[in-house]
Amino acid sequence: MKKLSGWSNESRHARGYGAAWDRLRLVILARDHGLCQCPECQGGSKQLKQASEVHHIVGKTEAKARGWTDAQIDDESNLQAINNECHKRITAAEQGRTLKQKMIISADGWAIPAKG
């Protein structure tokens, strides 16, 4: 059966996101003062957002293709705090996908872009 998403079927632990990652994630969030470090938020074009996730600047797949070790992949210099929505957008772009803009139904029944 063909997998429809770009996401792995492996457990988070099998993908390298176990207890050590949980500790490292907290270190990165503290280092970046809990603020999104994506280029768009840091570039001043958007309001700074609170980060809740940690992003690999060079993704795991790309880093492995470059011959990086697991230690290099999870090195603090390759990690940044990031907001959930920014993380989705960046990851989708890295996978060659685009995200549909979220829409809400207005009081008059018309769909309008969601803010945020």
N, C-alpha and C. Protein backbone atom coordinates (compact mmCIF):
# COMPACT_ATOMS: atom_id res chain seq x y z
N MET A 1 0.84 -1.18 0.00
CA MET A 1 0.00 0.00 0.00
C MET A 1 0.89 1.24 0.00
N LYS A 2 0.58 2.19 -0.88
CA LYS A 2 1.38 3.40 -1.01
C LYS A 2 1.09 4.36 0.14
N LYS A 3 2.17 4.91 0.71
CA LYS A 3 2.04 5.87 1.80
C LYS A 3 1.66 7.22 1.19
N LEU A 4 0.64 7.88 1.73
CA LEU A 4 0.14 9.12 1.16
C LEU A 4 0.88 10.35 1.67
N SER A 5 1.42 10.30 2.86
CA SER A 5 2.11 11.46 3.41
C SER A 5 3.61 11.26 3.33
N GLY A 6 4.35 12.33 3.62
CA GLY A 6 5.79 12.24 3.65
C GLY A 6 6.32 11.79 5.00
N TRP A 7 5.43 11.47 5.90
CA TRP A 7 5.81 11.12 7.27
C TRP A 7 6.18 9.65 7.39
N SER A 8 7.12 9.38 8.26
CA SER A 8 7.58 8.02 8.51
C SER A 8 6.55 7.24 9.31
N ASN A 9 6.55 5.93 9.13
CA ASN A 9 5.68 5.06 9.91
C ASN A 9 6.37 4.56 11.17
N GLU A 10 7.66 4.90 11.34
CA GLU A 10 8.42 4.45 12.50
C GLU A 10 8.01 5.24 13.74
N SER A 11 8.25 4.64 14.91
CA SER A 11 7.95 5.34 16.16
C SER A 11 8.90 6.52 16.33
N ARG A 12 8.55 7.47 17.18
CA ARG A 12 9.40 8.64 17.41
C ARG A 12 10.75 8.20 17.97
N HIS A 13 10.77 7.17 18.79
CA HIS A 13 12.03 6.67 19.35
C HIS A 13 12.92 6.07 18.26
N ALA A 14 12.31 5.34 17.33
CA ALA A 14 13.07 4.75 16.23
C ALA A 14 13.64 5.82 15.31
N ARG A 15 12.97 6.98 15.25
CA ARG A 15 13.44 8.09 14.41
C ARG A 15 14.42 8.99 15.14
N GLY A 16 14.76 8.64 16.40
CA GLY A 16 15.75 9.42 17.15
C GLY A 16 15.16 10.48 18.05
N TYR A 17 13.89 10.37 18.37
CA TYR A 17 13.24 11.38 19.21
C TYR A 17 12.81 10.78 20.55
N GLY A 18 13.76 10.23 21.27
CA GLY A 18 13.49 9.64 22.57
C GLY A 18 13.77 10.62 23.70
N ALA A 19 14.14 10.09 24.85
CA ALA A 19 14.37 10.91 26.05
C ALA A 19 15.51 11.90 25.86
N ALA A 20 16.58 11.49 25.17
CA ALA A 20 17.71 12.40 24.94
C ALA A 20 17.25 13.59 24.10
N TRP A 21 16.40 13.34 23.09
CA TRP A 21 15.87 14.44 22.28
C TRP A 21 15.01 15.37 23.13
N ASP A 22 14.19 14.80 23.99
CA ASP A 22 13.33 15.62 24.85
C ASP A 22 14.16 16.58 25.70
N ARG A 23 15.29 16.10 26.22
CA ARG A 23 16.18 16.96 27.02
C ARG A 23 16.84 18.03 26.13
N LEU A 24 17.31 17.62 24.96
CA LEU A 24 17.96 18.55 24.04
C LEU A 24 16.97 19.62 23.56
N ARG A 25 15.75 19.21 23.32
CA ARG A 25 14.69 20.14 22.90
C ARG A 25 14.52 21.26 23.92
N LEU A 26 14.50 20.92 25.19
CA LEU A 26 14.36 21.93 26.24
C LEU A 26 15.55 22.88 26.28
N VAL A 27 16.74 22.36 26.03
CA VAL A 27 17.95 23.19 25.99
C VAL A 27 17.84 24.21 24.85
N ILE A 28 17.40 23.76 23.68
CA ILE A 28 17.30 24.64 22.52
C ILE A 28 16.21 25.69 22.73
N LEU A 29 15.07 25.29 23.27
CA LEU A 29 14.00 26.25 23.54
C LEU A 29 14.48 27.32 24.52
N ALA A 30 15.23 26.92 25.54
CA ALA A 30 15.77 27.89 26.51
C ALA A 30 16.81 28.79 25.85
N ARG A 31 17.71 28.20 25.06
CA ARG A 31 18.75 28.98 24.39
C ARG A 31 18.14 30.08 23.52
N ASP A 32 17.05 29.74 22.82
CA ASP A 32 16.42 30.68 21.90
C ASP A 32 15.31 31.49 22.58
N HIS A 33 15.29 31.47 23.90
CA HIS A 33 14.35 32.26 24.71
C HIS A 33 12.89 31.98 24.37
N GLY A 34 12.61 30.76 23.89
CA GLY A 34 11.24 30.37 23.59
C GLY A 34 10.62 31.12 22.42
N LEU A 35 11.46 31.72 21.56
CA LEU A 35 10.96 32.49 20.42
C LEU A 35 11.32 31.81 19.11
N CYS A 36 10.40 31.89 18.15
CA CYS A 36 10.61 31.29 16.84
C CYS A 36 11.83 31.91 16.16
N GLN A 37 12.69 31.06 15.65
CA GLN A 37 13.93 31.50 14.99
C GLN A 37 13.88 31.34 13.48
N CYS A 38 12.68 31.08 12.92
CA CYS A 38 12.60 30.91 11.47
C CYS A 38 12.96 32.23 10.79
N PRO A 39 13.46 32.17 9.56
CA PRO A 39 13.86 33.39 8.85
C PRO A 39 12.74 34.41 8.73
N GLU A 40 11.52 33.96 8.53
CA GLU A 40 10.41 34.89 8.37
C GLU A 40 10.13 35.66 9.66
N CYS A 41 10.10 34.97 10.79
CA CYS A 41 9.85 35.64 12.07
C CYS A 41 11.03 36.52 12.46
N GLN A 42 12.24 36.07 12.21
CA GLN A 42 13.43 36.84 12.58
C GLN A 42 13.67 38.00 11.62
N GLY A 43 13.11 37.93 10.41
CA GLY A 43 13.32 38.97 9.42
C GLY A 43 12.48 40.21 9.63
N GLY A 44 11.59 40.17 10.59
CA GLY A 44 10.79 41.34 10.90
C GLY A 44 9.53 41.50 10.08
N SER A 45 9.27 40.57 9.15
CA SER A 45 8.08 40.70 8.32
C SER A 45 6.82 40.21 9.05
N LYS A 46 7.02 39.51 10.14
CA LYS A 46 5.90 39.01 10.93
C LYS A 46 6.14 39.35 12.39
N GLN A 47 5.09 39.24 13.17
CA GLN A 47 5.23 39.39 14.61
C GLN A 47 5.96 38.16 15.14
N LEU A 48 6.89 38.37 16.06
CA LEU A 48 7.62 37.26 16.65
C LEU A 48 6.64 36.31 17.34
N LYS A 49 6.84 35.02 17.18
CA LYS A 49 5.93 34.03 17.74
C LYS A 49 6.64 33.19 18.79
N GLN A 50 5.86 32.68 19.73
CA GLN A 50 6.39 31.79 20.75
C GLN A 50 6.68 30.44 20.11
N ALA A 51 7.85 29.90 20.38
CA ALA A 51 8.24 28.60 19.84
C ALA A 51 7.81 27.48 20.78
N SER A 52 7.39 26.39 20.19
CA SER A 52 7.00 25.22 20.99
C SER A 52 7.69 23.95 20.48
N GLU A 53 8.42 24.09 19.36
CA GLU A 53 9.07 22.94 18.74
C GLU A 53 10.52 23.27 18.42
N VAL A 54 11.28 22.24 18.05
CA VAL A 54 12.66 22.43 17.64
C VAL A 54 12.82 21.85 16.24
N HIS A 55 13.49 22.60 15.38
CA HIS A 55 13.63 22.26 13.97
C HIS A 55 15.10 22.00 13.63
N HIS A 56 15.34 20.97 12.82
CA HIS A 56 16.69 20.72 12.28
C HIS A 56 16.87 21.66 11.09
N ILE A 57 17.85 22.53 11.14
CA ILE A 57 18.12 23.48 10.05
C ILE A 57 18.44 22.70 8.78
N VAL A 58 19.37 21.78 8.88
CA VAL A 58 19.60 20.81 7.80
C VAL A 58 18.87 19.56 8.25
N GLY A 59 17.81 19.20 7.54
CA GLY A 59 16.96 18.07 7.92
C GLY A 59 17.73 16.76 8.02
N LYS A 60 17.17 15.84 8.77
CA LYS A 60 17.84 14.56 9.00
C LYS A 60 18.14 13.81 7.70
N THR A 61 17.18 13.78 6.78
CA THR A 61 17.39 13.06 5.52
C THR A 61 18.52 13.68 4.72
N GLU A 62 18.50 15.01 4.60
CA GLU A 62 19.55 15.72 3.85
C GLU A 62 20.90 15.54 4.53
N ALA A 63 20.92 15.66 5.87
CA ALA A 63 22.18 15.52 6.61
C ALA A 63 22.77 14.12 6.43
N LYS A 64 21.93 13.10 6.48
CA LYS A 64 22.42 11.73 6.28
C LYS A 64 22.96 11.55 4.87
N ALA A 65 22.29 12.18 3.89
CA ALA A 65 22.78 12.12 2.51
C ALA A 65 24.14 12.80 2.38
N ARG A 66 24.41 13.77 3.22
CA ARG A 66 25.71 14.46 3.22
C ARG A 66 26.76 13.71 4.01
N GLY A 67 26.35 12.61 4.65
CA GLY A 67 27.29 11.81 5.42
C GLY A 67 27.48 12.25 6.86
N TRP A 68 26.57 13.06 7.37
CA TRP A 68 26.68 13.53 8.75
C TRP A 68 26.41 12.38 9.71
N THR A 69 27.04 12.44 10.87
CA THR A 69 26.76 11.48 11.94
C THR A 69 25.52 11.93 12.70
N ASP A 70 24.97 11.04 13.52
CA ASP A 70 23.82 11.41 14.34
C ASP A 70 24.16 12.57 15.27
N ALA A 71 25.39 12.57 15.79
CA ALA A 71 25.82 13.65 16.68
C ALA A 71 25.85 14.99 15.93
N GLN A 72 26.30 14.99 14.69
CA GLN A 72 26.32 16.22 13.89
C GLN A 72 24.90 16.69 13.57
N ILE A 73 24.02 15.75 13.28
CA ILE A 73 22.64 16.08 12.94
C ILE A 73 21.95 16.76 14.12
N ASP A 74 22.17 16.23 15.33
CA ASP A 74 21.51 16.78 16.52
C ASP A 74 22.40 17.77 17.27
N ASP A 75 23.45 18.28 16.63
CA ASP A 75 24.29 19.29 17.26
C ASP A 75 23.47 20.57 17.44
N GLU A 76 23.71 21.28 18.53
CA GLU A 76 22.96 22.50 18.82
C GLU A 76 23.04 23.52 17.69
N SER A 77 24.15 23.53 16.95
CA SER A 77 24.29 24.50 15.85
C SER A 77 23.37 24.18 14.68
N ASN A 78 22.80 22.97 14.64
CA ASN A 78 21.88 22.57 13.57
C ASN A 78 20.43 22.59 14.04
N LEU A 79 20.17 23.17 15.19
CA LEU A 79 18.83 23.17 15.76
C LEU A 79 18.38 24.58 16.07
N GLN A 80 17.07 24.81 15.93
CA GLN A 80 16.51 26.11 16.29
C GLN A 80 15.10 25.94 16.82
N ALA A 81 14.74 26.81 17.75
CA ALA A 81 13.37 26.84 18.26
C ALA A 81 12.47 27.38 17.15
N ILE A 82 11.26 26.83 17.09
CA ILE A 82 10.37 27.24 16.00
C ILE A 82 8.91 27.09 16.43
N ASN A 83 8.08 27.94 15.88
CA ASN A 83 6.64 27.91 16.12
C ASN A 83 6.02 26.76 15.32
N ASN A 84 4.95 26.20 15.81
CA ASN A 84 4.30 25.06 15.16
C ASN A 84 3.90 25.36 13.71
N GLU A 85 3.26 26.50 13.47
CA GLU A 85 2.82 26.83 12.11
C GLU A 85 4.02 27.06 11.18
N CYS A 86 5.05 27.73 11.66
CA CYS A 86 6.25 27.95 10.85
C CYS A 86 6.92 26.61 10.54
N HIS A 87 6.94 25.71 11.54
CA HIS A 87 7.55 24.40 11.35
C HIS A 87 6.83 23.62 10.25
N LYS A 88 5.50 23.66 10.29
CA LYS A 88 4.72 22.98 9.24
C LYS A 88 5.04 23.55 7.86
N ARG A 89 5.08 24.88 7.77
CA ARG A 89 5.33 25.54 6.49
C ARG A 89 6.71 25.21 5.94
N ILE A 90 7.74 25.28 6.80
CA ILE A 90 9.11 25.00 6.36
C ILE A 90 9.28 23.54 5.98
N THR A 91 8.74 22.64 6.78
CA THR A 91 8.85 21.21 6.50
C THR A 91 8.14 20.87 5.19
N ALA A 92 6.97 21.44 4.97
CA ALA A 92 6.24 21.20 3.72
C ALA A 92 7.07 21.67 2.53
N ALA A 93 7.67 22.85 2.65
CA ALA A 93 8.49 23.38 1.55
C ALA A 93 9.69 22.47 1.29
N GLU A 94 10.32 21.96 2.37
CA GLU A 94 11.46 21.05 2.20
C GLU A 94 11.05 19.76 1.51
N GLN A 95 9.79 19.35 1.70
CA GLN A 95 9.28 18.13 1.09
C GLN A 95 8.64 18.39 -0.27
N GLY A 96 8.70 19.64 -0.74
CA GLY A 96 8.13 19.98 -2.04
C GLY A 96 6.62 20.10 -2.04
N ARG A 97 6.06 20.34 -0.87
CA ARG A 97 4.60 20.48 -0.76
C ARG A 97 4.28 21.93 -0.43
N THR A 98 3.04 22.33 -0.63
CA THR A 98 2.56 23.62 -0.17
C THR A 98 1.38 23.37 0.75
N LEU A 99 1.25 24.21 1.74
CA LEU A 99 0.13 24.08 2.67
C LEU A 99 -1.03 24.94 2.19
N LYS A 100 -2.22 24.43 2.30
CA LYS A 100 -3.39 25.22 1.98
C LYS A 100 -3.62 26.21 3.11
N GLN A 101 -4.02 27.42 2.75
CA GLN A 101 -4.30 28.42 3.77
C GLN A 101 -5.54 28.01 4.53
N LYS A 102 -5.48 28.16 5.86
CA LYS A 102 -6.63 27.82 6.68
C LYS A 102 -7.74 28.84 6.44
N MET A 103 -8.93 28.34 6.33
CA MET A 103 -10.09 29.20 6.10
C MET A 103 -11.08 29.02 7.23
N ILE A 104 -11.83 30.08 7.50
CA ILE A 104 -12.93 30.00 8.47
C ILE A 104 -14.19 30.49 7.77
N ILE A 105 -15.32 30.16 8.32
CA ILE A 105 -16.59 30.61 7.77
C ILE A 105 -17.00 31.87 8.52
N SER A 106 -17.20 32.95 7.79
CA SER A 106 -17.57 34.22 8.40
C SER A 106 -19.05 34.21 8.79
N ALA A 107 -19.47 35.26 9.48
CA ALA A 107 -20.86 35.37 9.94
C ALA A 107 -21.84 35.35 8.78
N ASP A 108 -21.41 35.84 7.60
CA ASP A 108 -22.30 35.84 6.46
C ASP A 108 -22.25 34.54 5.64
N GLY A 109 -21.47 33.56 6.13
CA GLY A 109 -21.44 32.25 5.48
C GLY A 109 -20.37 32.08 4.44
N TRP A 110 -19.55 33.10 4.20
CA TRP A 110 -18.47 33.02 3.21
C TRP A 110 -17.18 32.58 3.87
N ALA A 111 -16.39 31.80 3.14
CA ALA A 111 -15.09 31.37 3.64
C ALA A 111 -14.11 32.54 3.51
N ILE A 112 -13.37 32.79 4.59
CA ILE A 112 -12.34 33.84 4.57
C ILE A 112 -11.07 33.27 5.18
N PRO A 113 -9.90 33.82 4.81
CA PRO A 113 -8.63 33.32 5.38
C PRO A 113 -8.60 33.52 6.90
N ALA A 114 -8.13 32.50 7.59
CA ALA A 114 -7.97 32.59 9.05
C ALA A 114 -6.77 33.46 9.34
N LYS A 115 -6.83 34.27 10.35
CA LYS A 115 -5.69 35.11 10.74
C LYS A 115 -4.81 34.32 11.67
N GLY A 116 -3.53 34.61 11.61
CA GLY A 116 -2.64 33.97 12.56
C GLY A 116 -1.58 33.23 11.92
